Amino acid sequence: GVEEQSQSARCEIAGRLDDRQEAQVRRAELRSWGGRFAGLAGGAFVLGPVDLFLGEAAEAMGASDEAAAYLSAARDLAEAHGATQWSTRASAGLRRIAAQAR
């Protein structure tokens, strides 16, 4: 609904702006919506898997293990629904994390 869509967008913005405090707040608010897509109107408008936003925010905060878990869940959910744009984005995040671990 509106709440998870709004929180997902805020989480994404916080991560991209490297606002760790805001990302932490949004991650805490979003956790209960993990495993679902964020969107409105019964799926007419979809932002993507909530786990994608949680993973990207965790990655921005340097929490690599947590980020990888969320991004893996987002990729799996997206693949299960044929949502290649989001599975591709989650896979890219997983590759970034793997590259940083080397």
PDB file of N, CA and C in Angstrom:
ATOM      1  N   GLY A   1       0.800  -1.182   0.000  1.00  0.00           N
ATOM      2  CA  GLY A   1       0.000   0.000   0.000  1.00  0.00           C
ATOM      3  C   GLY A   1       0.849   1.255   0.000  1.00  0.00           C
ATOM      4  N   VAL A   2       0.226   2.317   0.328  1.00  0.00           N
ATOM      5  CA  VAL A   2       0.887   3.614   0.309  1.00  0.00           C
ATOM      6  C   VAL A   2       2.062   3.658   1.280  1.00  0.00           C
ATOM      7  N   GLU A   3       1.897   3.079   2.454  1.00  0.00           N
ATOM      8  CA  GLU A   3       2.951   3.161   3.477  1.00  0.00           C
ATOM      9  C   GLU A   3       4.236   2.468   3.032  1.00  0.00           C
ATOM     10  N   GLU A   4       4.167   1.223   2.569  1.00  0.00           N
ATOM     11  CA  GLU A   4       5.410   0.555   2.173  1.00  0.00           C
ATOM     12  C   GLU A   4       6.004   1.172   0.918  1.00  0.00           C
ATOM     13  N   GLN A   5       5.157   1.713   0.039  1.00  0.00           N
ATOM     14  CA  GLN A   5       5.660   2.375  -1.152  1.00  0.00           C
ATOM     15  C   GLN A   5       6.425   3.639  -0.754  1.00  0.00           C
ATOM     16  N   SER A   6       5.858   4.410   0.147  1.00  0.00           N
ATOM     17  CA  SER A   6       6.492   5.633   0.612  1.00  0.00           C
ATOM     18  C   SER A   6       7.797   5.335   1.348  1.00  0.00           C
ATOM     19  N   GLN A   7       7.768   4.367   2.252  1.00  0.00           N
ATOM     20  CA  GLN A   7       8.965   4.014   3.008  1.00  0.00           C
ATOM     21  C   GLN A   7      10.049   3.435   2.093  1.00  0.00           C
ATOM     22  N   SER A   8       9.648   2.656   1.091  1.00  0.00           N
ATOM     23  CA  SER A   8      10.617   2.092   0.145  1.00  0.00           C
ATOM     24  C   SER A   8      11.324   3.197  -0.619  1.00  0.00           C
ATOM     25  N   ALA A   9      10.563   4.165  -1.078  1.00  0.00           N
ATOM     26  CA  ALA A   9      11.159   5.284  -1.812  1.00  0.00           C
ATOM     27  C   ALA A   9      12.107   6.072  -0.911  1.00  0.00           C
ATOM     28  N   ARG A  10      11.706   6.327   0.316  1.00  0.00           N
ATOM     29  CA  ARG A  10      12.578   7.058   1.250  1.00  0.00           C
ATOM     30  C   ARG A  10      13.850   6.276   1.558  1.00  0.00           C
ATOM     31  N   CYS A  11      13.709   4.971   1.691  1.00  0.00           N
ATOM     32  CA  CYS A  11      14.865   4.118   1.963  1.00  0.00           C
ATOM     33  C   CYS A  11      15.849   4.160   0.796  1.00  0.00           C
ATOM     34  N   GLU A  12      15.316   4.076  -0.417  1.00  0.00           N
ATOM     35  CA  GLU A  12      16.163   4.122  -1.600  1.00  0.00           C
ATOM     36  C   GLU A  12      16.898   5.460  -1.687  1.00  0.00           C
ATOM     37  N   ILE A  13      16.196   6.532  -1.473  1.00  0.00           N
ATOM     38  CA  ILE A  13      16.808   7.863  -1.541  1.00  0.00           C
ATOM     39  C   ILE A  13      17.884   8.012  -0.474  1.00  0.00           C
ATOM     40  N   ALA A  14      17.601   7.582   0.744  1.00  0.00           N
ATOM     41  CA  ALA A  14      18.582   7.680   1.828  1.00  0.00           C
ATOM     42  C   ALA A  14      19.846   6.904   1.486  1.00  0.00           C
ATOM     43  N   GLY A  15      19.674   5.707   0.934  1.00  0.00           N
ATOM     44  CA  GLY A  15      20.841   4.913   0.556  1.00  0.00           C
ATOM     45  C   GLY A  15      21.665   5.576  -0.534  1.00  0.00           C
ATOM     46  N   ARG A  16      21.002   6.102  -1.530  1.00  0.00           N
ATOM     47  CA  ARG A  16      21.702   6.756  -2.638  1.00  0.00           C
ATOM     48  C   ARG A  16      22.397   8.046  -2.199  1.00  0.00           C
ATOM     49  N   LEU A  17      21.840   8.730  -1.202  1.00  0.00           N
ATOM     50  CA  LEU A  17      22.444   9.956  -0.700  1.00  0.00           C
ATOM     51  C   LEU A  17      23.456   9.686   0.412  1.00  0.00           C
ATOM     52  N   ASP A  18      23.640   8.419   0.745  1.00  0.00           N
ATOM     53  CA  ASP A  18      24.550   8.007   1.816  1.00  0.00           C
ATOM     54  C   ASP A  18      24.165   8.642   3.153  1.00  0.00           C
ATOM     55  N   ASP A  19      22.858   8.773   3.375  1.00  0.00           N
ATOM     56  CA  ASP A  19      22.334   9.289   4.642  1.00  0.00           C
ATOM     57  C   ASP A  19      22.095   8.084   5.541  1.00  0.00           C
ATOM     58  N   ARG A  20      23.102   7.708   6.285  1.00  0.00           N
ATOM     59  CA  ARG A  20      23.053   6.482   7.085  1.00  0.00           C
ATOM     60  C   ARG A  20      21.977   6.521   8.167  1.00  0.00           C
ATOM     61  N   GLN A  21      21.807   7.652   8.794  1.00  0.00           N
ATOM     62  CA  GLN A  21      20.801   7.746   9.849  1.00  0.00           C
ATOM     63  C   GLN A  21      19.400   7.542   9.272  1.00  0.00           C
ATOM     64  N   GLU A  22      19.107   8.215   8.178  1.00  0.00           N
ATOM     65  CA  GLU A  22      17.790   8.071   7.553  1.00  0.00           C
ATOM     66  C   GLU A  22      17.593   6.647   7.026  1.00  0.00           C
ATOM     67  N   ALA A  23      18.637   6.082   6.418  1.00  0.00           N
ATOM     68  CA  ALA A  23      18.545   4.714   5.911  1.00  0.00           C
ATOM     69  C   ALA A  23      18.240   3.731   7.040  1.00  0.00           C
ATOM     70  N   GLN A  24      18.867   3.937   8.192  1.00  0.00           N
ATOM     71  CA  GLN A  24      18.628   3.063   9.337  1.00  0.00           C
ATOM     72  C   GLN A  24      17.179   3.146   9.800  1.00  0.00           C
ATOM     73  N   VAL A  25      16.646   4.350   9.874  1.00  0.00           N
ATOM     74  CA  VAL A  25      15.249   4.537  10.295  1.00  0.00           C
ATOM     75  C   VAL A  25      14.314   3.855   9.301  1.00  0.00           C
ATOM     76  N   ARG A  26      14.541   4.077   8.023  1.00  0.00           N
ATOM     77  CA  ARG A  26      13.662   3.496   6.994  1.00  0.00           C
ATOM     78  C   ARG A  26      13.777   1.977   6.958  1.00  0.00           C
ATOM     79  N   ARG A  27      14.965   1.438   7.137  1.00  0.00           N
ATOM     80  CA  ARG A  27      15.134  -0.017   7.169  1.00  0.00           C
ATOM     81  C   ARG A  27      14.310  -0.607   8.300  1.00  0.00           C
ATOM     82  N   ALA A  28      14.358   0.015   9.463  1.00  0.00           N
ATOM     83  CA  ALA A  28      13.604  -0.492  10.608  1.00  0.00           C
ATOM     84  C   ALA A  28      12.101  -0.482  10.310  1.00  0.00           C
ATOM     85  N   GLU A  29      11.636   0.554   9.636  1.00  0.00           N
ATOM     86  CA  GLU A  29      10.210   0.657   9.318  1.00  0.00           C
ATOM     87  C   GLU A  29       9.789  -0.318   8.219  1.00  0.00           C
ATOM     88  N   LEU A  30      10.698  -0.666   7.342  1.00  0.00           N
ATOM     89  CA  LEU A  30      10.369  -1.520   6.197  1.00  0.00           C
ATOM     90  C   LEU A  30      10.468  -3.018   6.475  1.00  0.00           C
ATOM     91  N   ARG A  31      11.207  -3.404   7.476  1.00  0.00           N
ATOM     92  CA  ARG A  31      11.476  -4.836   7.697  1.00  0.00           C
ATOM     93  C   ARG A  31      10.217  -5.700   7.707  1.00  0.00           C
ATOM     94  N   SER A  32       9.142  -5.200   8.262  1.00  0.00           N
ATOM     95  CA  SER A  32       7.929  -6.023   8.348  1.00  0.00           C
ATOM     96  C   SER A  32       7.300  -6.277   6.976  1.00  0.00           C
ATOM     97  N   TRP A  33       7.705  -5.531   5.956  1.00  0.00           N
ATOM     98  CA  TRP A  33       7.164  -5.723   4.615  1.00  0.00           C
ATOM     99  C   TRP A  33       8.085  -6.542   3.717  1.00  0.00           C
ATOM    100  N   GLY A  34       9.141  -7.099   4.271  1.00  0.00           N
ATOM    101  CA  GLY A  34      10.039  -7.932   3.476  1.00  0.00           C
ATOM    102  C   GLY A  34       9.286  -9.098   2.839  1.00  0.00           C
ATOM    103  N   GLY A  35       9.773  -9.545   1.692  1.00  0.00           N
ATOM    104  CA  GLY A  35       9.145 -10.654   1.001  1.00  0.00           C
ATOM    105  C   GLY A  35       7.970 -10.252   0.122  1.00  0.00           C
ATOM    106  N   ARG A  36       7.755  -8.943  -0.015  1.00  0.00           N
ATOM    107  CA  ARG A  36       6.641  -8.437  -0.826  1.00  0.00           C
ATOM    108  C   ARG A  36       7.131  -7.351  -1.781  1.00  0.00           C
ATOM    109  N   PHE A  37       6.270  -7.028  -2.717  1.00  0.00           N
ATOM    110  CA  PHE A  37       6.517  -5.897  -3.599  1.00  0.00           C
ATOM    111  C   PHE A  37       5.915  -4.646  -2.984  1.00  0.00           C
ATOM    112  N   ALA A  38       6.580  -3.518  -3.149  1.00  0.00           N
ATOM    113  CA  ALA A  38       6.034  -2.229  -2.732  1.00  0.00           C
ATOM    114  C   ALA A  38       5.302  -1.633  -3.916  1.00  0.00           C
ATOM    115  N   GLY A  39       4.051  -1.250  -3.703  1.00  0.00           N
ATOM    116  CA  GLY A  39       3.297  -0.668  -4.802  1.00  0.00           C
ATOM    117  C   GLY A  39       1.922  -0.210  -4.367  1.00  0.00           C
ATOM    118  N   LEU A  40       1.150   0.204  -5.343  1.00  0.00           N
ATOM    119  CA  LEU A  40      -0.186   0.752  -5.116  1.00  0.00           C
ATOM    120  C   LEU A  40      -1.191   0.141  -6.069  1.00  0.00           C
ATOM    121  N   ALA A  41      -2.425   0.353  -5.787  1.00  0.00           N
ATOM    122  CA  ALA A  41      -3.543   0.030  -6.680  1.00  0.00           C
ATOM    123  C   ALA A  41      -3.539  -1.416  -7.144  1.00  0.00           C
ATOM    124  N   GLY A  42      -3.351  -2.321  -6.203  1.00  0.00           N
ATOM    125  CA  GLY A  42      -3.413  -3.743  -6.535  1.00  0.00           C
ATOM    126  C   GLY A  42      -2.379  -4.181  -7.553  1.00  0.00           C
ATOM    127  N   GLY A  43      -1.249  -3.504  -7.591  1.00  0.00           N
ATOM    128  CA  GLY A  43      -0.176  -3.888  -8.502  1.00  0.00           C
ATOM    129  C   GLY A  43      -0.105  -3.055  -9.766  1.00  0.00           C
ATOM    130  N   ALA A  44      -0.964  -2.060  -9.902  1.00  0.00           N
ATOM    131  CA  ALA A  44      -0.923  -1.204 -11.093  1.00  0.00           C
ATOM    132  C   ALA A  44       0.342  -0.343 -11.107  1.00  0.00           C
ATOM    133  N   PHE A  45       0.861  -0.023  -9.936  1.00  0.00           N
ATOM    134  CA  PHE A  45       2.097   0.756  -9.798  1.00  0.00           C
ATOM    135  C   PHE A  45       2.970   0.034  -8.797  1.00  0.00           C
ATOM    136  N   VAL A  46       4.106  -0.465  -9.245  1.00  0.00           N
ATOM    137  CA  VAL A  46       4.986  -1.250  -8.383  1.00  0.00           C
ATOM    138  C   VAL A  46       6.385  -0.652  -8.404  1.00  0.00           C
ATOM    139  N   LEU A  47       6.943  -0.401  -7.213  1.00  0.00           N
ATOM    140  CA  LEU A  47       8.309   0.121  -7.094  1.00  0.00           C
ATOM    141  C   LEU A  47       9.350  -0.981  -7.155  1.00  0.00           C
ATOM    142  N   GLY A  48       8.982  -2.169  -6.721  1.00  0.00           N
ATOM    143  CA  GLY A  48       9.921  -3.285  -6.690  1.00  0.00           C
ATOM    144  C   GLY A  48       9.827  -4.022  -5.374  1.00  0.00           C
ATOM    145  N   PRO A  49      10.640  -5.075  -5.222  1.00  0.00           N
ATOM    146  CA  PRO A  49      10.631  -5.828  -3.967  1.00  0.00           C
ATOM    147  C   PRO A  49      11.129  -4.966  -2.806  1.00  0.00           C
ATOM    148  N   VAL A  50      10.419  -4.996  -1.703  1.00  0.00           N
ATOM    149  CA  VAL A  50      10.845  -4.260  -0.514  1.00  0.00           C
ATOM    150  C   VAL A  50      12.260  -4.678  -0.122  1.00  0.00           C
ATOM    151  N   ASP A  51      12.569  -5.965  -0.267  1.00  0.00           N
ATOM    152  CA  ASP A  51      13.904  -6.452   0.091  1.00  0.00           C
ATOM    153  C   ASP A  51      15.003  -5.799  -0.749  1.00  0.00           C
ATOM    154  N   LEU A  52      14.687  -5.359  -1.950  1.00  0.00           N
ATOM    155  CA  LEU A  52      15.655  -4.657  -2.784  1.00  0.00           C
ATOM    156  C   LEU A  52      16.069  -3.348  -2.116  1.00  0.00           C
ATOM    157  N   PHE A  53      15.101  -2.607  -1.620  1.00  0.00           N
ATOM    158  CA  PHE A  53      15.394  -1.332  -0.963  1.00  0.00           C
ATOM    159  C   PHE A  53      16.108  -1.547   0.368  1.00  0.00           C
ATOM    160  N   LEU A  54      15.700  -2.579   1.090  1.00  0.00           N
ATOM    161  CA  LEU A  54      16.392  -2.908   2.340  1.00  0.00           C
ATOM    162  C   LEU A  54      17.842  -3.292   2.067  1.00  0.00           C
ATOM    163  N   GLY A  55      18.060  -4.083   1.024  1.00  0.00           N
ATOM    164  CA  GLY A  55      19.410  -4.514   0.682  1.00  0.00           C
ATOM    165  C   GLY A  55      20.292  -3.370   0.232  1.00  0.00           C
ATOM    166  N   GLU A  56      19.759  -2.496  -0.592  1.00  0.00           N
ATOM    167  CA  GLU A  56      20.561  -1.366  -1.065  1.00  0.00           C
ATOM    168  C   GLU A  56      20.889  -0.400   0.072  1.00  0.00           C
ATOM    169  N   ALA A  57      19.952  -0.210   0.995  1.00  0.00           N
ATOM    170  CA  ALA A  57      20.227   0.646   2.151  1.00  0.00           C
ATOM    171  C   ALA A  57      21.279   0.005   3.050  1.00  0.00           C
ATOM    172  N   ALA A  58      21.176  -1.311   3.272  1.00  0.00           N
ATOM    173  CA  ALA A  58      22.182  -2.009   4.082  1.00  0.00           C
ATOM    174  C   ALA A  58      23.549  -1.938   3.415  1.00  0.00           C
ATOM    175  N   GLU A  59      23.580  -2.078   2.101  1.00  0.00           N
ATOM    176  CA  GLU A  59      24.848  -1.970   1.364  1.00  0.00           C
ATOM    177  C   GLU A  59      25.458  -0.583   1.555  1.00  0.00           C
ATOM    178  N   ALA A  60      24.643   0.458   1.440  1.00  0.00           N
ATOM    179  CA  ALA A  60      25.132   1.827   1.607  1.00  0.00           C
ATOM    180  C   ALA A  60      25.686   2.061   3.011  1.00  0.00           C
ATOM    181  N   MET A  61      25.156   1.310   3.977  1.00  0.00           N
ATOM    182  CA  MET A  61      25.610   1.459   5.357  1.00  0.00           C
ATOM    183  C   MET A  61      26.804   0.567   5.679  1.00  0.00           C
ATOM    184  N   GLY A  62      27.228  -0.238   4.705  1.00  0.00           N
ATOM    185  CA  GLY A  62      28.379  -1.112   4.920  1.00  0.00           C
ATOM    186  C   GLY A  62      28.042  -2.427   5.596  1.00  0.00           C
ATOM    187  N   ALA A  63      26.768  -2.765   5.693  1.00  0.00           N
ATOM    188  CA  ALA A  63      26.335  -4.027   6.299  1.00  0.00           C
ATOM    189  C   ALA A  63      26.224  -5.082   5.196  1.00  0.00           C
ATOM    190  N   SER A  64      27.357  -5.561   4.729  1.00  0.00           N
ATOM    191  CA  SER A  64      27.413  -6.416   3.544  1.00  0.00           C
ATOM    192  C   SER A  64      26.657  -7.728   3.682  1.00  0.00           C
ATOM    193  N   ASP A  65      26.771  -8.401   4.807  1.00  0.00           N
ATOM    194  CA  ASP A  65      26.081  -9.681   4.980  1.00  0.00           C
ATOM    195  C   ASP A  65      24.567  -9.487   4.955  1.00  0.00           C
ATOM    196  N   GLU A  66      24.098  -8.475   5.659  1.00  0.00           N
ATOM    197  CA  GLU A  66      22.669  -8.177   5.673  1.00  0.00           C
ATOM    198  C   GLU A  66      22.203  -7.773   4.276  1.00  0.00           C
ATOM    199  N   ALA A  67      22.998  -6.948   3.610  1.00  0.00           N
ATOM    200  CA  ALA A  67      22.652  -6.511   2.250  1.00  0.00           C
ATOM    201  C   ALA A  67      22.543  -7.699   1.309  1.00  0.00           C
ATOM    202  N   ALA A  68      23.493  -8.611   1.394  1.00  0.00           N
ATOM    203  CA  ALA A  68      23.472  -9.784   0.510  1.00  0.00           C
ATOM    204  C   ALA A  68      22.236 -10.645   0.755  1.00  0.00           C
ATOM    205  N   ALA A  69      21.843 -10.787   2.005  1.00  0.00           N
ATOM    206  CA  ALA A  69      20.651 -11.590   2.316  1.00  0.00           C
ATOM    207  C   ALA A  69      19.400 -10.941   1.726  1.00  0.00           C
ATOM    208  N   TYR A  70      19.256  -9.638   1.912  1.00  0.00           N
ATOM    209  CA  TYR A  70      18.092  -8.943   1.361  1.00  0.00           C
ATOM    210  C   TYR A  70      18.101  -8.952  -0.165  1.00  0.00           C
ATOM    211  N   LEU A  71      19.258  -8.699  -0.756  1.00  0.00           N
ATOM    212  CA  LEU A  71      19.336  -8.665  -2.214  1.00  0.00           C
ATOM    213  C   LEU A  71      19.068 -10.038  -2.822  1.00  0.00           C
ATOM    214  N   SER A  72      19.517 -11.086  -2.162  1.00  0.00           N
ATOM    215  CA  SER A  72      19.217 -12.444  -2.635  1.00  0.00           C
ATOM    216  C   SER A  72      17.716 -12.715  -2.590  1.00  0.00           C
ATOM    217  N   ALA A  73      17.072 -12.290  -1.492  1.00  0.00           N
ATOM    218  CA  ALA A  73      15.623 -12.465  -1.376  1.00  0.00           C
ATOM    219  C   ALA A  73      14.893 -11.658  -2.440  1.00  0.00           C
ATOM    220  N   ALA A  74      15.355 -10.438  -2.689  1.00  0.00           N
ATOM    221  CA  ALA A  74      14.737  -9.593  -3.719  1.00  0.00           C
ATOM    222  C   ALA A  74      14.893 -10.218  -5.098  1.00  0.00           C
ATOM    223  N   ARG A  75      16.086 -10.716  -5.386  1.00  0.00           N
ATOM    224  CA  ARG A  75      16.328 -11.360  -6.685  1.00  0.00           C
ATOM    225  C   ARG A  75      15.414 -12.563  -6.861  1.00  0.00           C
ATOM    226  N   ASP A  76      15.314 -13.392  -5.827  1.00  0.00           N
ATOM    227  CA  ASP A  76      14.484 -14.598  -5.915  1.00  0.00           C
ATOM    228  C   ASP A  76      13.005 -14.254  -6.111  1.00  0.00           C
ATOM    229  N   LEU A  77      12.506 -13.251  -5.376  1.00  0.00           N
ATOM    230  CA  LEU A  77      11.113 -12.833  -5.524  1.00  0.00           C
ATOM    231  C   LEU A  77      10.867 -12.279  -6.930  1.00  0.00           C
ATOM    232  N   ALA A  78      11.777 -11.442  -7.391  1.00  0.00           N
ATOM    233  CA  ALA A  78      11.622 -10.854  -8.722  1.00  0.00           C
ATOM    234  C   ALA A  78      11.654 -11.934  -9.805  1.00  0.00           C
ATOM    235  N   GLU A  79      12.578 -12.876  -9.683  1.00  0.00           N
ATOM    236  CA  GLU A  79      12.665 -13.956 -10.671  1.00  0.00           C
ATOM    237  C   GLU A  79      11.404 -14.814 -10.659  1.00  0.00           C
ATOM    238  N   ALA A  80      10.867 -15.061  -9.487  1.00  0.00           N
ATOM    239  CA  ALA A  80       9.655 -15.876  -9.372  1.00  0.00           C
ATOM    240  C   ALA A  80       8.458 -15.230 -10.071  1.00  0.00           C
ATOM    241  N   HIS A  81       8.506 -13.908 -10.217  1.00  0.00           N
ATOM    242  CA  HIS A  81       7.403 -13.182 -10.847  1.00  0.00           C
ATOM    243  C   HIS A  81       7.771 -12.651 -12.231  1.00  0.00           C
ATOM    244  N   GLY A  82       8.924 -13.067 -12.744  1.00  0.00           N
ATOM    245  CA  GLY A  82       9.340 -12.632 -14.080  1.00  0.00           C
ATOM    246  C   GLY A  82       9.675 -11.153 -14.169  1.00  0.00           C
ATOM    247  N   ALA A  83      10.042 -10.564 -13.052  1.00  0.00           N
ATOM    248  CA  ALA A  83      10.356  -9.128 -13.007  1.00  0.00           C
ATOM    249  C   ALA A  83      11.863  -8.940 -13.205  1.00  0.00           C
ATOM    250  N   THR A  84      12.290  -9.048 -14.437  1.00  0.00           N
ATOM    251  CA  THR A  84      13.730  -9.054 -14.731  1.00  0.00           C
ATOM    252  C   THR A  84      14.425  -7.743 -14.374  1.00  0.00           C
ATOM    253  N   GLN A  85      13.726  -6.619 -14.456  1.00  0.00           N
ATOM    254  CA  GLN A  85      14.386  -5.351 -14.128  1.00  0.00           C
ATOM    255  C   GLN A  85      14.866  -5.345 -12.684  1.00  0.00           C
ATOM    256  N   TRP A  86      14.084  -5.944 -11.791  1.00  0.00           N
ATOM    257  CA  TRP A  86      14.476  -5.946 -10.385  1.00  0.00           C
ATOM    258  C   TRP A  86      15.415  -7.097 -10.053  1.00  0.00           C
ATOM    259  N   SER A  87      15.271  -8.229 -10.713  1.00  0.00           N
ATOM    260  CA  SER A  87      16.236  -9.303 -10.470  1.00  0.00           C
ATOM    261  C   SER A  87      17.610  -8.878 -10.971  1.00  0.00           C
ATOM    262  N   THR A  88      17.656  -8.147 -12.073  1.00  0.00           N
ATOM    263  CA  THR A  88      18.931  -7.635 -12.605  1.00  0.00           C
ATOM    264  C   THR A  88      19.552  -6.638 -11.633  1.00  0.00           C
ATOM    265  N   ARG A  89      18.743  -5.752 -11.101  1.00  0.00           N
ATOM    266  CA  ARG A  89      19.243  -4.744 -10.146  1.00  0.00           C
ATOM    267  C   ARG A  89      19.749  -5.403  -8.871  1.00  0.00           C
ATOM    268  N   ALA A  90      19.019  -6.396  -8.362  1.00  0.00           N
ATOM    269  CA  ALA A  90      19.462  -7.105  -7.156  1.00  0.00           C
ATOM    270  C   ALA A  90      20.751  -7.879  -7.423  1.00  0.00           C
ATOM    271  N   SER A  91      20.836  -8.517  -8.584  1.00  0.00           N
ATOM    272  CA  SER A  91      22.051  -9.261  -8.944  1.00  0.00           C
ATOM    273  C   SER A  91      23.251  -8.332  -9.048  1.00  0.00           C
ATOM    274  N   ALA A  92      23.042  -7.130  -9.582  1.00  0.00           N
ATOM    275  CA  ALA A  92      24.133  -6.151  -9.667  1.00  0.00           C
ATOM    276  C   ALA A  92      24.627  -5.778  -8.273  1.00  0.00           C
ATOM    277  N   GLY A  93      23.708  -5.616  -7.334  1.00  0.00           N
ATOM    278  CA  GLY A  93      24.097  -5.328  -5.953  1.00  0.00           C
ATOM    279  C   GLY A  93      24.896  -6.463  -5.348  1.00  0.00           C
ATOM    280  N   LEU A  94      24.482  -7.691  -5.622  1.00  0.00           N
ATOM    281  CA  LEU A  94      25.213  -8.853  -5.111  1.00  0.00           C
ATOM    282  C   LEU A  94      26.624  -8.912  -5.704  1.00  0.00           C
ATOM    283  N   ARG A  95      26.763  -8.554  -6.965  1.00  0.00           N
ATOM    284  CA  ARG A  95      28.100  -8.525  -7.577  1.00  0.00           C
ATOM    285  C   ARG A  95      28.970  -7.444  -6.963  1.00  0.00           C
ATOM    286  N   ARG A  96      28.391  -6.283  -6.669  1.00  0.00           N
ATOM    287  CA  ARG A  96      29.157  -5.208  -6.012  1.00  0.00           C
ATOM    288  C   ARG A  96      29.679  -5.674  -4.653  1.00  0.00           C
ATOM    289  N   ILE A  97      28.805  -6.318  -3.898  1.00  0.00           N
ATOM    290  CA  ILE A  97      29.201  -6.794  -2.566  1.00  0.00           C
ATOM    291  C   ILE A  97      30.298  -7.842  -2.676  1.00  0.00           C
ATOM    292  N   ALA A  98      30.163  -8.759  -3.616  1.00  0.00           N
ATOM    293  CA  ALA A  98      31.189  -9.787  -3.811  1.00  0.00           C
ATOM    294  C   ALA A  98      32.518  -9.167  -4.204  1.00  0.00           C
ATOM    295  N   ALA A  99      32.487  -8.158  -5.054  1.00  0.00           N
ATOM    296  CA  ALA A  99      33.718  -7.494  -5.498  1.00  0.00           C
ATOM    297  C   ALA A  99      34.391  -6.764  -4.344  1.00  0.00           C
ATOM    298  N   GLN A 100      33.617  -6.177  -3.455  1.00  0.00           N
ATOM    299  CA  GLN A 100      34.181  -5.467  -2.300  1.00  0.00           C
ATOM    300  C   GLN A 100      34.802  -6.425  -1.295  1.00  0.00           C
ATOM    301  N   ALA A 101      34.298  -7.649  -1.264  1.00  0.00           N
ATOM    302  CA  ALA A 101      34.813  -8.639  -0.301  1.00  0.00           C
ATOM    303  C   ALA A 101      36.167  -9.184  -0.721  1.00  0.00           C
ATOM    304  N   ARG A 102      36.521  -9.007  -1.963  1.00  0.00           N
ATOM    305  CA  ARG A 102      37.816  -9.540  -2.451  1.00  0.00           C
ATOM    306  C   ARG A 102      38.975  -8.749  -1.966  1.00  0.00           C
TER     307      ARG A 102
END
